[in-house]
Amino acid sequence: MQIGGAVVLALVTAVVEAGQRANVDDRLAGYGPSTAVIVATVIVVLGTAVLTGTGPRATATDGAPSPDRTASGRPASTSGPSSPRNTP
C-alpha cells in the first residue's frame, strides 16, 4: 500500500506550513519540526520492521541456485577437482 507515504507527506507539509505561518519572518521556520517528523517516522517504521521480523518478500527465483553456484551455495568448480591428492 502506498497510502503511508501520502499520509507522511501530508503531515510534513502541514508542519512546514504551520511553522511558516507562526513565524512569518523566518522562511525556514517549519523545516526543523518537519525534519523531526520524518526522522520519527523512519525510526518507528524501522523499529516495527525489526521487531516483527519483516524482510524482503520472496520472489519466484529465490532458492534456485545461480549459474555460478551449486545448490549448497558453494561456488561451482569449472576446472575440476582442486584437491592436492588428485594432482600428479
Protein backbone atom coordinates (compact mmCIF):
# COMPACT_ATOMS: atom_id res chain seq x y z
CA MET A 1 0.00 0.00 0.00
CA GLN A 2 1.24 3.44 -0.90
CA ILE A 3 -1.05 5.40 1.39
CA GLY A 4 1.56 5.60 4.17
CA GLY A 5 3.85 7.80 2.09
CA ALA A 6 0.98 10.10 1.20
CA VAL A 7 -0.02 10.47 4.85
CA VAL A 8 3.55 11.28 5.93
CA LEU A 9 3.91 13.78 3.07
CA ALA A 10 0.66 15.49 4.08
CA LEU A 11 1.77 15.62 7.72
CA VAL A 12 5.18 17.08 6.85
CA THR A 13 3.59 19.65 4.57
CA ALA A 14 1.17 20.67 7.33
CA VAL A 15 4.03 21.05 9.82
CA VAL A 16 6.05 23.19 7.40
CA GLU A 17 3.06 25.42 6.66
CA ALA A 18 2.21 25.80 10.34
CA GLY A 19 5.80 26.74 11.16
CA GLN A 20 5.92 29.32 8.40
CA ARG A 21 2.60 30.85 9.45
CA ALA A 22 3.68 31.04 13.09
CA ASN A 23 6.87 32.90 12.20
CA VAL A 24 6.30 34.90 9.02
CA ASP A 25 9.76 36.50 9.03
CA ASP A 26 11.63 33.19 9.05
CA ARG A 27 11.16 31.24 5.82
CA LEU A 28 12.73 28.10 7.28
CA ALA A 29 10.71 28.10 10.49
CA GLY A 30 8.81 24.87 9.79
CA TYR A 31 11.67 22.82 8.39
CA GLY A 32 13.19 21.83 11.75
CA PRO A 33 9.99 20.32 13.14
CA SER A 34 9.15 18.71 9.81
CA THR A 35 12.57 17.04 9.73
CA ALA A 36 11.84 15.70 13.21
CA VAL A 37 8.57 14.24 11.89
CA ILE A 38 10.43 12.47 9.07
CA VAL A 39 13.11 11.09 11.40
CA ALA A 40 10.49 9.89 13.89
CA THR A 41 8.57 8.16 11.10
CA VAL A 42 11.70 6.39 9.89
CA ILE A 43 12.57 5.24 13.42
CA VAL A 44 9.06 3.90 14.00
CA VAL A 45 8.96 2.06 10.67
CA LEU A 46 12.43 0.55 11.09
CA GLY A 47 11.67 -0.43 14.68
CA THR A 48 8.47 -2.11 13.59
CA ALA A 49 10.25 -3.98 10.81
CA VAL A 50 12.98 -5.20 13.16
CA LEU A 51 10.59 -6.25 15.93
CA THR A 52 8.21 -8.08 13.61
CA GLY A 53 10.95 -9.68 11.53
CA THR A 54 9.59 -8.27 8.33
CA GLY A 55 12.04 -8.55 5.47
CA PRO A 56 12.05 -8.53 1.70
CA ARG A 57 9.41 -10.68 0.10
CA ALA A 58 10.46 -13.86 -1.68
CA THR A 59 10.42 -13.94 -5.46
CA ALA A 60 9.97 -16.85 -7.82
CA THR A 61 13.74 -17.20 -8.29
CA ASP A 62 14.60 -17.30 -4.58
CA GLY A 63 16.04 -20.63 -3.57
CA ALA A 64 17.19 -21.55 -7.06
CA PRO A 65 20.96 -21.80 -7.40
CA SER A 66 22.60 -19.19 -9.56
CA PRO A 67 24.63 -20.37 -12.55
CA ASP A 68 27.94 -19.83 -10.75
CA ARG A 69 26.83 -21.58 -7.52
CA THR A 70 25.74 -25.10 -6.65
CA ALA A 71 22.56 -25.93 -4.74
CA SER A 72 24.56 -25.85 -1.47
CA GLY A 73 25.63 -22.27 -2.15
CA ARG A 74 29.27 -23.14 -2.85
CA PRO A 75 30.98 -21.74 -5.92
CA ALA A 76 30.70 -24.02 -8.92
CA SER A 77 34.01 -25.54 -9.97
CA THR A 78 34.82 -25.18 -13.65
CA SER A 79 38.36 -26.57 -13.66
CA GLY A 80 37.74 -29.91 -11.96
CA PRO A 81 38.82 -31.08 -8.51
CA SER A 82 41.39 -28.94 -6.76
CA SER A 83 42.27 -31.42 -4.02
CA PRO A 84 46.03 -31.94 -3.54
CA ARG A 85 45.65 -35.73 -3.58
CA ASN A 86 44.27 -35.62 -7.15
CA THR A 87 47.23 -33.69 -8.56
CA PRO A 88 50.05 -35.73 -10.11
